[in-house]
């Protein structure tokens, strides 16, 4: 958890463990965000501006820092 900066304490308990693990694996060279999409799904994503992000409101829950090599 030392790589995770929680941005929304209220939503953090609702983040599935597999999404946290996915975000930690994906954050190799750049940060990855855990967010709740407008449709209610909680996902790991590259961040603002990613063309694959679903449209609608996005609430950022946490930022996962790149892994230390």
N, C-alpha and C. Protein backbone atom coordinates (compact mmCIF):
# COMPACT_ATOMS: atom_id res chain seq x y z
N UNK A 1 0.81 -1.21 0.00
CA UNK A 1 0.00 0.00 0.00
C UNK A 1 0.85 1.27 0.00
N UNK A 2 2.16 1.14 0.11
CA UNK A 2 3.00 2.33 0.11
C UNK A 2 3.03 3.02 -1.25
N UNK A 3 2.59 2.32 -2.30
CA UNK A 3 2.54 2.91 -3.64
C UNK A 3 1.19 3.54 -3.94
N UNK A 4 0.23 3.40 -3.04
CA UNK A 4 -1.13 3.86 -3.30
C UNK A 4 -1.44 5.13 -2.51
N UNK A 5 -1.89 6.15 -3.25
CA UNK A 5 -2.32 7.40 -2.63
C UNK A 5 -3.84 7.45 -2.76
N UNK A 6 -4.53 7.34 -1.65
CA UNK A 6 -6.00 7.34 -1.67
C UNK A 6 -6.50 8.77 -1.83
N UNK A 7 -7.34 8.97 -2.83
CA UNK A 7 -7.88 10.29 -3.13
C UNK A 7 -9.31 10.46 -2.63
N UNK A 8 -10.03 9.35 -2.46
CA UNK A 8 -11.42 9.40 -2.00
C UNK A 8 -11.62 8.32 -0.94
N UNK A 9 -11.50 8.72 0.31
CA UNK A 9 -11.60 7.78 1.44
C UNK A 9 -12.96 7.09 1.49
N UNK A 10 -14.02 7.78 1.08
CA UNK A 10 -15.37 7.20 1.15
C UNK A 10 -15.55 6.06 0.15
N UNK A 11 -14.95 6.18 -1.03
CA UNK A 11 -15.09 5.14 -2.06
C UNK A 11 -14.05 4.02 -1.94
N UNK A 12 -12.95 4.28 -1.26
CA UNK A 12 -11.86 3.31 -1.19
C UNK A 12 -12.32 1.92 -0.71
N UNK A 13 -13.17 1.80 0.32
CA UNK A 13 -13.58 0.46 0.77
C UNK A 13 -14.37 -0.33 -0.29
N UNK A 14 -14.90 0.33 -1.29
CA UNK A 14 -15.68 -0.37 -2.33
C UNK A 14 -14.82 -0.86 -3.49
N UNK A 15 -13.51 -0.59 -3.46
CA UNK A 15 -12.63 -1.01 -4.56
C UNK A 15 -12.33 -2.51 -4.41
N UNK A 16 -12.66 -3.29 -5.45
CA UNK A 16 -12.37 -4.72 -5.39
C UNK A 16 -10.86 -4.99 -5.32
N UNK A 17 -10.48 -6.02 -4.60
CA UNK A 17 -9.05 -6.36 -4.43
C UNK A 17 -8.39 -6.66 -5.78
N UNK A 18 -9.14 -7.26 -6.72
CA UNK A 18 -8.53 -7.57 -8.02
C UNK A 18 -8.23 -6.31 -8.82
N UNK A 19 -9.00 -5.25 -8.62
CA UNK A 19 -8.73 -3.97 -9.30
C UNK A 19 -7.46 -3.34 -8.72
N UNK A 20 -7.27 -3.45 -7.42
CA UNK A 20 -6.06 -2.93 -6.78
C UNK A 20 -4.84 -3.69 -7.31
N UNK A 21 -4.94 -5.02 -7.37
CA UNK A 21 -3.83 -5.84 -7.87
C UNK A 21 -3.52 -5.50 -9.32
N UNK A 22 -4.55 -5.32 -10.13
CA UNK A 22 -4.37 -4.96 -11.54
C UNK A 22 -3.65 -3.62 -11.67
N UNK A 23 -4.05 -2.64 -10.86
CA UNK A 23 -3.42 -1.32 -10.91
C UNK A 23 -1.96 -1.40 -10.50
N UNK A 24 -1.66 -2.19 -9.47
CA UNK A 24 -0.27 -2.32 -9.04
C UNK A 24 0.59 -2.99 -10.12
N UNK A 25 0.04 -3.97 -10.82
CA UNK A 25 0.78 -4.62 -11.91
C UNK A 25 0.98 -3.67 -13.08
N UNK A 26 -0.04 -2.88 -13.38
CA UNK A 26 0.01 -1.98 -14.55
C UNK A 26 0.92 -0.78 -14.34
N UNK A 27 1.16 -0.39 -13.11
CA UNK A 27 1.95 0.82 -12.82
C UNK A 27 3.44 0.49 -12.84
N UNK A 28 3.94 0.17 -14.02
CA UNK A 28 5.36 -0.17 -14.15
C UNK A 28 6.22 1.06 -14.31
N UNK A 29 5.83 1.96 -15.23
CA UNK A 29 6.65 3.14 -15.52
C UNK A 29 5.93 4.45 -15.27
N UNK A 30 4.61 4.41 -15.24
CA UNK A 30 3.84 5.64 -15.01
C UNK A 30 2.66 5.33 -14.10
N UNK A 31 2.12 6.35 -13.46
CA UNK A 31 1.01 6.13 -12.53
C UNK A 31 -0.23 5.54 -13.19
N UNK A 32 -0.98 4.82 -12.41
CA UNK A 32 -2.27 4.26 -12.82
C UNK A 32 -3.29 4.74 -11.80
N UNK A 33 -4.49 5.06 -12.28
CA UNK A 33 -5.53 5.53 -11.38
C UNK A 33 -6.62 4.47 -11.23
N UNK A 34 -7.17 4.40 -10.04
CA UNK A 34 -8.35 3.59 -9.79
C UNK A 34 -9.50 4.58 -9.74
N UNK A 35 -10.53 4.32 -10.56
CA UNK A 35 -11.62 5.27 -10.69
C UNK A 35 -12.96 4.56 -10.79
N UNK A 36 -14.01 5.29 -10.41
CA UNK A 36 -15.37 4.79 -10.63
C UNK A 36 -15.92 5.53 -11.83
N UNK A 37 -16.32 4.76 -12.84
CA UNK A 37 -16.88 5.35 -14.05
C UNK A 37 -18.33 5.73 -13.81
N UNK A 38 -18.86 6.52 -14.72
CA UNK A 38 -20.25 6.97 -14.62
C UNK A 38 -21.24 5.83 -14.55
N UNK A 39 -20.87 4.66 -15.11
CA UNK A 39 -21.77 3.51 -15.07
C UNK A 39 -21.65 2.71 -13.77
N UNK A 40 -20.81 3.18 -12.84
CA UNK A 40 -20.66 2.54 -11.54
C UNK A 40 -19.54 1.52 -11.45
N UNK A 41 -18.93 1.17 -12.59
CA UNK A 41 -17.83 0.21 -12.57
C UNK A 41 -16.58 0.85 -11.99
N UNK A 42 -15.86 0.10 -11.17
CA UNK A 42 -14.58 0.56 -10.63
C UNK A 42 -13.49 -0.13 -11.41
N UNK A 43 -12.59 0.68 -11.98
CA UNK A 43 -11.56 0.16 -12.89
C UNK A 43 -10.20 0.79 -12.61
N UNK A 44 -9.16 0.10 -13.11
CA UNK A 44 -7.81 0.66 -13.13
C UNK A 44 -7.63 1.23 -14.53
N UNK A 45 -7.06 2.43 -14.61
CA UNK A 45 -6.91 3.07 -15.92
C UNK A 45 -5.65 3.90 -15.97
N UNK A 46 -5.20 4.16 -17.21
CA UNK A 46 -3.97 4.92 -17.41
C UNK A 46 -4.09 6.36 -16.93
N UNK A 47 -5.29 6.90 -16.96
CA UNK A 47 -5.44 8.25 -16.45
C UNK A 47 -6.21 9.16 -17.36
N UNK A 48 -6.33 10.40 -16.97
CA UNK A 48 -7.09 11.37 -17.75
C UNK A 48 -6.57 11.46 -19.18
N UNK A 49 -7.49 11.51 -20.13
CA UNK A 49 -7.11 11.63 -21.52
C UNK A 49 -6.95 10.31 -22.25
N UNK A 50 -7.05 9.19 -21.54
CA UNK A 50 -6.94 7.88 -22.17
C UNK A 50 -8.12 7.69 -23.13
N UNK A 51 -7.88 7.40 -24.40
CA UNK A 51 -8.99 7.29 -25.35
C UNK A 51 -9.92 6.11 -25.09
N UNK A 52 -9.50 5.14 -24.29
CA UNK A 52 -10.35 3.99 -24.00
C UNK A 52 -11.24 4.19 -22.78
N UNK A 53 -11.16 5.34 -22.15
CA UNK A 53 -11.98 5.62 -20.98
C UNK A 53 -13.42 5.83 -21.43
N UNK A 54 -14.35 5.21 -20.69
CA UNK A 54 -15.77 5.38 -21.01
C UNK A 54 -16.16 6.83 -20.78
N UNK A 55 -17.13 7.30 -21.56
CA UNK A 55 -17.60 8.67 -21.36
C UNK A 55 -18.47 8.73 -20.12
N UNK A 56 -18.69 9.90 -19.61
CA UNK A 56 -19.49 10.08 -18.40
C UNK A 56 -18.63 10.56 -17.26
N UNK A 57 -19.25 10.69 -16.13
CA UNK A 57 -18.53 11.15 -14.95
C UNK A 57 -17.55 10.10 -14.47
N UNK A 58 -16.37 10.54 -14.10
CA UNK A 58 -15.35 9.65 -13.55
C UNK A 58 -14.90 10.22 -12.22
N UNK A 59 -14.94 9.39 -11.18
CA UNK A 59 -14.47 9.79 -9.86
C UNK A 59 -13.18 9.05 -9.58
N UNK A 60 -12.11 9.79 -9.37
CA UNK A 60 -10.82 9.17 -9.09
C UNK A 60 -10.77 8.78 -7.62
N UNK A 61 -10.46 7.51 -7.36
CA UNK A 61 -10.45 6.97 -6.01
C UNK A 61 -9.03 6.92 -5.46
N UNK A 62 -8.07 6.51 -6.29
CA UNK A 62 -6.68 6.37 -5.82
C UNK A 62 -5.72 6.47 -6.98
N UNK A 63 -4.49 6.81 -6.65
CA UNK A 63 -3.40 6.83 -7.62
C UNK A 63 -2.37 5.79 -7.17
N UNK A 64 -1.94 4.96 -8.11
CA UNK A 64 -0.94 3.94 -7.82
C UNK A 64 0.36 4.37 -8.49
N UNK A 65 1.40 4.54 -7.69
CA UNK A 65 2.69 5.01 -8.19
C UNK A 65 3.41 3.89 -8.93
N UNK A 66 4.32 4.27 -9.84
CA UNK A 66 5.11 3.26 -10.56
C UNK A 66 5.92 2.42 -9.59
N UNK A 67 6.17 1.18 -9.99
CA UNK A 67 6.95 0.27 -9.14
C UNK A 67 8.40 0.73 -9.08
N UNK A 68 9.01 0.48 -7.97
CA UNK A 68 10.42 0.83 -7.78
C UNK A 68 11.27 -0.35 -8.26
N UNK A 69 12.19 -0.10 -9.18
CA UNK A 69 13.04 -1.19 -9.70
C UNK A 69 14.34 -1.25 -8.96
